[in-house]
Amino acid sequence: MLPARHRMRAASEFSATIRAGSRSSSRRVVVHYTSGSTRAESARVGFVVSKAVGGAVERNYVKRRLRAAMCEMVPELPDGSRVVVRALPTAHGAAFVSLRDDLFDALARAKRREAGR
């Protein structure tokens, strides 16, 4: 379970991260990452799973799996960073290992792009 202090909830946080962050994609997810300006806050993660993925049951299933995968990665994120993970329709029905690997690869590429800015 992703701790409450690491969850992104406000729409303004989502849009600011998507607008200002670096973007990277894989077969199943698109990741927007920004290193953030304030180091006092902990890293925050948000998830976007549209109706293109499936019905409510399928969307929640994909979101739970993405959250579980991000739990492994959150301790490695620098304080103040923001991550928005958008699931693509191919995320539904994917094995957890391949979903997790796609997420980690896309996040690593987005972090490298952000560092290069």
N, C-alpha and C. Protein backbone atom coordinates (compact mmCIF):
# COMPACT_ATOMS: atom_id res chain seq x y z
N MET A 1 0.85 -1.20 0.00
CA MET A 1 0.00 0.00 0.00
C MET A 1 0.88 1.25 0.00
N LEU A 2 0.52 2.20 -0.80
CA LEU A 2 1.26 3.46 -0.89
C LEU A 2 0.86 4.35 0.27
N PRO A 3 1.80 4.77 1.12
CA PRO A 3 1.46 5.62 2.27
C PRO A 3 0.80 6.93 1.84
N ALA A 4 -0.06 7.46 2.68
CA ALA A 4 -0.84 8.66 2.36
C ALA A 4 0.05 9.85 2.02
N ARG A 5 1.19 9.97 2.66
CA ARG A 5 2.05 11.13 2.40
C ARG A 5 2.66 11.10 1.00
N HIS A 6 2.61 9.96 0.35
CA HIS A 6 3.16 9.82 -1.00
C HIS A 6 2.08 9.87 -2.09
N ARG A 7 0.83 10.07 -1.72
CA ARG A 7 -0.25 10.08 -2.71
C ARG A 7 -0.54 11.49 -3.19
N MET A 8 -0.68 11.61 -4.48
CA MET A 8 -1.05 12.87 -5.09
C MET A 8 -2.57 12.87 -5.25
N ARG A 9 -3.24 13.93 -4.78
CA ARG A 9 -4.70 13.97 -4.83
C ARG A 9 -5.26 15.18 -5.57
N ALA A 10 -4.62 16.32 -5.47
CA ALA A 10 -5.15 17.55 -6.05
C ALA A 10 -4.94 17.59 -7.56
N ALA A 11 -5.95 18.02 -8.27
CA ALA A 11 -5.87 18.13 -9.73
C ALA A 11 -4.76 19.10 -10.14
N SER A 12 -4.52 20.12 -9.33
CA SER A 12 -3.46 21.07 -9.65
C SER A 12 -2.08 20.42 -9.62
N GLU A 13 -1.88 19.46 -8.71
CA GLU A 13 -0.61 18.74 -8.66
C GLU A 13 -0.41 17.89 -9.92
N PHE A 14 -1.49 17.22 -10.33
CA PHE A 14 -1.43 16.40 -11.53
C PHE A 14 -1.08 17.25 -12.75
N SER A 15 -1.82 18.34 -12.94
CA SER A 15 -1.60 19.16 -14.13
C SER A 15 -0.23 19.84 -14.10
N ALA A 16 0.24 20.28 -12.94
CA ALA A 16 1.56 20.91 -12.85
C ALA A 16 2.66 19.91 -13.18
N THR A 17 2.52 18.68 -12.73
CA THR A 17 3.52 17.66 -13.01
C THR A 17 3.52 17.31 -14.49
N ILE A 18 2.35 17.17 -15.08
CA ILE A 18 2.25 16.83 -16.50
C ILE A 18 2.79 17.96 -17.36
N ARG A 19 2.49 19.20 -16.99
CA ARG A 19 2.93 20.35 -17.77
C ARG A 19 4.44 20.58 -17.66
N ALA A 20 4.99 20.49 -16.45
CA ALA A 20 6.40 20.86 -16.23
C ALA A 20 7.36 19.68 -16.26
N GLY A 21 6.85 18.48 -16.16
CA GLY A 21 7.74 17.33 -16.03
C GLY A 21 8.22 16.74 -17.34
N SER A 22 9.15 15.83 -17.19
CA SER A 22 9.66 15.07 -18.34
C SER A 22 8.75 13.87 -18.56
N ARG A 23 8.55 13.52 -19.82
CA ARG A 23 7.63 12.43 -20.15
C ARG A 23 8.39 11.30 -20.81
N SER A 24 8.00 10.08 -20.44
CA SER A 24 8.55 8.90 -21.07
C SER A 24 7.46 7.85 -21.13
N SER A 25 7.48 7.04 -22.17
CA SER A 25 6.42 6.04 -22.31
C SER A 25 6.99 4.67 -22.60
N SER A 26 6.16 3.68 -22.37
CA SER A 26 6.48 2.30 -22.71
C SER A 26 5.21 1.70 -23.31
N ARG A 27 5.17 0.41 -23.47
CA ARG A 27 4.01 -0.23 -24.10
C ARG A 27 2.74 -0.06 -23.27
N ARG A 28 2.87 -0.01 -21.95
CA ARG A 28 1.70 -0.05 -21.08
C ARG A 28 1.45 1.20 -20.25
N VAL A 29 2.46 2.06 -20.09
CA VAL A 29 2.31 3.25 -19.26
C VAL A 29 3.04 4.45 -19.86
N VAL A 30 2.59 5.63 -19.44
CA VAL A 30 3.28 6.88 -19.73
C VAL A 30 3.58 7.50 -18.37
N VAL A 31 4.83 7.92 -18.17
CA VAL A 31 5.25 8.48 -16.88
C VAL A 31 5.66 9.93 -17.08
N HIS A 32 5.13 10.81 -16.23
CA HIS A 32 5.53 12.21 -16.18
C HIS A 32 6.26 12.39 -14.85
N TYR A 33 7.48 12.95 -14.90
CA TYR A 33 8.31 13.08 -13.71
C TYR A 33 8.87 14.49 -13.61
N THR A 34 8.82 15.05 -12.42
CA THR A 34 9.49 16.32 -12.16
C THR A 34 10.20 16.20 -10.82
N SER A 35 11.39 16.77 -10.77
CA SER A 35 12.18 16.67 -9.55
C SER A 35 11.65 17.57 -8.45
N GLY A 36 10.84 18.55 -8.80
CA GLY A 36 10.22 19.43 -7.80
C GLY A 36 11.17 20.49 -7.30
N SER A 37 10.60 21.48 -6.66
CA SER A 37 11.41 22.60 -6.19
C SER A 37 11.66 22.54 -4.69
N THR A 38 10.75 22.00 -3.94
CA THR A 38 10.91 21.96 -2.49
C THR A 38 11.34 20.58 -2.03
N ARG A 39 12.36 20.52 -1.26
CA ARG A 39 12.87 19.24 -0.76
C ARG A 39 12.27 18.87 0.59
N ALA A 40 11.49 19.77 1.20
CA ALA A 40 10.91 19.50 2.51
C ALA A 40 9.79 18.46 2.44
N GLU A 41 9.14 18.37 1.29
CA GLU A 41 8.04 17.42 1.13
C GLU A 41 8.56 16.07 0.65
N SER A 42 7.79 15.04 0.94
CA SER A 42 8.16 13.71 0.45
C SER A 42 7.74 13.58 -1.02
N ALA A 43 8.27 12.59 -1.69
CA ALA A 43 7.90 12.33 -3.08
C ALA A 43 6.43 11.96 -3.15
N ARG A 44 5.76 12.40 -4.21
CA ARG A 44 4.34 12.12 -4.37
C ARG A 44 4.08 11.49 -5.73
N VAL A 45 3.12 10.55 -5.74
CA VAL A 45 2.80 9.79 -6.94
C VAL A 45 1.30 9.84 -7.18
N GLY A 46 0.90 10.02 -8.44
CA GLY A 46 -0.50 10.00 -8.82
C GLY A 46 -0.70 9.07 -10.01
N PHE A 47 -1.92 8.55 -10.13
CA PHE A 47 -2.22 7.59 -11.19
C PHE A 47 -3.43 8.05 -11.98
N VAL A 48 -3.36 7.88 -13.30
CA VAL A 48 -4.46 8.22 -14.20
C VAL A 48 -4.77 6.97 -15.01
N VAL A 49 -5.99 6.46 -14.84
CA VAL A 49 -6.42 5.28 -15.58
C VAL A 49 -7.76 5.62 -16.23
N SER A 50 -7.76 5.81 -17.54
CA SER A 50 -8.97 6.27 -18.24
C SER A 50 -9.91 5.11 -18.56
N LYS A 51 -11.08 5.47 -19.06
CA LYS A 51 -12.07 4.47 -19.44
C LYS A 51 -11.63 3.63 -20.63
N ALA A 52 -10.61 4.08 -21.33
CA ALA A 52 -10.09 3.30 -22.45
C ALA A 52 -9.47 1.98 -21.97
N VAL A 53 -9.07 1.95 -20.71
CA VAL A 53 -8.49 0.73 -20.13
C VAL A 53 -9.57 -0.31 -19.91
N GLY A 54 -10.76 0.12 -19.57
CA GLY A 54 -11.87 -0.80 -19.33
C GLY A 54 -12.89 -0.19 -18.38
N GLY A 55 -13.76 -1.04 -17.88
CA GLY A 55 -14.77 -0.59 -16.92
C GLY A 55 -14.16 -0.28 -15.57
N ALA A 56 -14.99 0.09 -14.62
CA ALA A 56 -14.52 0.49 -13.30
C ALA A 56 -13.71 -0.61 -12.61
N VAL A 57 -14.16 -1.84 -12.73
CA VAL A 57 -13.46 -2.95 -12.10
C VAL A 57 -12.06 -3.11 -12.69
N GLU A 58 -11.96 -3.06 -14.00
CA GLU A 58 -10.66 -3.21 -14.66
C GLU A 58 -9.75 -2.03 -14.35
N ARG A 59 -10.30 -0.82 -14.34
CA ARG A 59 -9.48 0.36 -14.04
C ARG A 59 -8.93 0.29 -12.62
N ASN A 60 -9.76 -0.07 -11.66
CA ASN A 60 -9.29 -0.17 -10.28
C ASN A 60 -8.25 -1.28 -10.12
N TYR A 61 -8.43 -2.37 -10.85
CA TYR A 61 -7.47 -3.47 -10.82
C TYR A 61 -6.10 -3.01 -11.32
N VAL A 62 -6.09 -2.30 -12.44
CA VAL A 62 -4.84 -1.79 -13.00
C VAL A 62 -4.21 -0.78 -12.05
N LYS A 63 -5.03 0.09 -11.47
CA LYS A 63 -4.52 1.10 -10.54
C LYS A 63 -3.90 0.47 -9.30
N ARG A 64 -4.51 -0.57 -8.76
CA ARG A 64 -3.95 -1.27 -7.59
C ARG A 64 -2.62 -1.91 -7.94
N ARG A 65 -2.52 -2.48 -9.11
CA ARG A 65 -1.26 -3.11 -9.52
C ARG A 65 -0.16 -2.07 -9.74
N LEU A 66 -0.51 -0.94 -10.31
CA LEU A 66 0.48 0.13 -10.49
C LEU A 66 0.93 0.68 -9.15
N ARG A 67 0.00 0.84 -8.23
CA ARG A 67 0.34 1.31 -6.89
C ARG A 67 1.30 0.35 -6.19
N ALA A 68 1.03 -0.94 -6.31
CA ALA A 68 1.89 -1.95 -5.69
C ALA A 68 3.29 -1.90 -6.30
N ALA A 69 3.38 -1.69 -7.59
CA ALA A 69 4.69 -1.60 -8.23
C ALA A 69 5.43 -0.35 -7.79
N MET A 70 4.72 0.77 -7.65
CA MET A 70 5.36 2.02 -7.24
C MET A 70 5.82 1.98 -5.80
N CYS A 71 5.20 1.17 -4.96
CA CYS A 71 5.62 1.05 -3.56
C CYS A 71 7.09 0.66 -3.47
N GLU A 72 7.54 -0.15 -4.41
CA GLU A 72 8.94 -0.58 -4.42
C GLU A 72 9.87 0.57 -4.82
N MET A 73 9.36 1.51 -5.61
CA MET A 73 10.19 2.56 -6.18
C MET A 73 10.19 3.86 -5.37
N VAL A 74 9.15 4.11 -4.59
CA VAL A 74 9.02 5.39 -3.87
C VAL A 74 10.21 5.69 -2.95
N PRO A 75 10.76 4.72 -2.21
CA PRO A 75 11.89 5.06 -1.36
C PRO A 75 13.12 5.56 -2.12
N GLU A 76 13.23 5.23 -3.39
CA GLU A 76 14.36 5.67 -4.20
C GLU A 76 14.16 7.04 -4.83
N LEU A 77 12.93 7.57 -4.77
CA LEU A 77 12.65 8.88 -5.36
C LEU A 77 13.15 9.98 -4.43
N PRO A 78 13.76 11.04 -4.99
CA PRO A 78 14.21 12.15 -4.15
C PRO A 78 13.03 12.91 -3.55
N ASP A 79 13.24 13.49 -2.37
CA ASP A 79 12.19 14.29 -1.72
C ASP A 79 11.80 15.44 -2.63
N GLY A 80 10.52 15.74 -2.65
CA GLY A 80 10.00 16.84 -3.46
C GLY A 80 9.67 16.46 -4.89
N SER A 81 10.00 15.25 -5.30
CA SER A 81 9.71 14.85 -6.68
C SER A 81 8.24 14.48 -6.83
N ARG A 82 7.77 14.58 -8.07
CA ARG A 82 6.39 14.26 -8.40
C ARG A 82 6.37 13.31 -9.59
N VAL A 83 5.49 12.31 -9.53
CA VAL A 83 5.36 11.33 -10.61
C VAL A 83 3.88 11.14 -10.91
N VAL A 84 3.51 11.23 -12.18
CA VAL A 84 2.16 10.89 -12.62
C VAL A 84 2.30 9.72 -13.59
N VAL A 85 1.59 8.64 -13.28
CA VAL A 85 1.62 7.43 -14.11
C VAL A 85 0.27 7.31 -14.81
N ARG A 86 0.30 7.30 -16.14
CA ARG A 86 -0.93 7.16 -16.92
C ARG A 86 -0.92 5.78 -17.57
N ALA A 87 -1.93 4.99 -17.27
CA ALA A 87 -2.03 3.64 -17.83
C ALA A 87 -2.60 3.71 -19.24
N LEU A 88 -2.00 2.96 -20.13
CA LEU A 88 -2.50 2.84 -21.50
C LEU A 88 -3.44 1.63 -21.58
N PRO A 89 -4.29 1.55 -22.59
CA PRO A 89 -5.23 0.42 -22.69
C PRO A 89 -4.56 -0.95 -22.65
N THR A 90 -3.32 -1.04 -23.08
CA THR A 90 -2.62 -2.34 -23.06
C THR A 90 -2.24 -2.78 -21.65
N ALA A 91 -2.38 -1.89 -20.65
CA ALA A 91 -2.05 -2.25 -19.27
C ALA A 91 -3.03 -3.29 -18.73
N HIS A 92 -4.27 -3.24 -19.22
CA HIS A 92 -5.26 -4.22 -18.77
C HIS A 92 -4.90 -5.58 -19.35
N GLY A 93 -4.83 -6.56 -18.52
CA GLY A 93 -4.53 -7.91 -18.96
C GLY A 93 -3.05 -8.23 -19.00
N ALA A 94 -2.19 -7.26 -18.71
CA ALA A 94 -0.75 -7.50 -18.70
C ALA A 94 -0.35 -8.19 -17.40
N ALA A 95 0.65 -9.02 -17.46
CA ALA A 95 1.17 -9.67 -16.26
C ALA A 95 1.80 -8.60 -15.36
N PHE A 96 1.73 -8.82 -14.05
CA PHE A 96 2.24 -7.84 -13.10
C PHE A 96 3.72 -7.55 -13.34
N VAL A 97 4.50 -8.57 -13.61
CA VAL A 97 5.94 -8.40 -13.82
C VAL A 97 6.21 -7.51 -15.02
N SER A 98 5.51 -7.71 -16.11
CA SER A 98 5.74 -6.87 -17.29
C SER A 98 5.22 -5.45 -17.07
N LEU A 99 4.13 -5.29 -16.34
CA LEU A 99 3.63 -3.95 -16.01
C LEU A 99 4.63 -3.21 -15.13
N ARG A 100 5.17 -3.91 -14.13
CA ARG A 100 6.17 -3.32 -13.23
C ARG A 100 7.44 -2.95 -14.00
N ASP A 101 7.90 -3.83 -14.88
CA ASP A 101 9.11 -3.56 -15.65
C ASP A 101 8.91 -2.35 -16.58
N ASP A 102 7.75 -2.26 -17.22
CA ASP A 102 7.45 -1.11 -18.07
C ASP A 102 7.45 0.18 -17.25
N LEU A 103 6.86 0.12 -16.08
CA LEU A 103 6.80 1.30 -15.20
C LEU A 103 8.20 1.72 -14.78
N PHE A 104 9.02 0.78 -14.35
CA PHE A 104 10.38 1.11 -13.91
C PHE A 104 11.22 1.66 -15.05
N ASP A 105 11.11 1.08 -16.24
CA ASP A 105 11.87 1.55 -17.39
C ASP A 105 11.46 2.97 -17.79
N ALA A 106 10.15 3.21 -17.84
CA ALA A 106 9.66 4.53 -18.22
C ALA A 106 10.06 5.58 -17.18
N LEU A 107 9.99 5.22 -15.90
CA LEU A 107 10.38 6.16 -14.85
C LEU A 107 11.87 6.46 -14.92
N ALA A 108 12.69 5.47 -15.15
CA ALA A 108 14.13 5.69 -15.25
C ALA A 108 14.46 6.62 -16.42
N ARG A 109 13.80 6.42 -17.57
CA ARG A 109 14.03 7.30 -18.71
C ARG A 109 13.57 8.73 -18.43
N ALA A 110 12.43 8.88 -17.77
CA ALA A 110 11.93 10.21 -17.44
C ALA A 110 12.86 10.92 -16.46
N LYS A 111 13.41 10.17 -15.51
CA LYS A 111 14.37 10.78 -14.56
C LYS A 111 15.63 11.23 -15.28
N ARG A 112 16.12 10.43 -16.23
CA ARG A 112 17.31 10.83 -16.99
C ARG A 112 17.04 12.08 -17.83
N ARG A 113 15.87 12.15 -18.43
CA ARG A 113 15.52 13.33 -19.23
C ARG A 113 15.41 14.57 -18.35
N GLU A 114 14.83 14.41 -17.16
CA GLU A 114 14.70 15.54 -16.23
C GLU A 114 16.07 16.01 -15.77
N ALA A 115 16.99 15.08 -15.53
CA ALA A 115 18.34 15.44 -15.09
C ALA A 115 19.09 16.16 -16.21
N GLY A 116 18.78 15.85 -17.47
CA GLY A 116 19.43 16.48 -18.60
C GLY A 116 18.96 17.88 -18.89
N ARG A 117 17.86 18.28 -18.30
CA ARG A 117 17.31 19.64 -18.55
C ARG A 117 18.16 20.70 -17.92
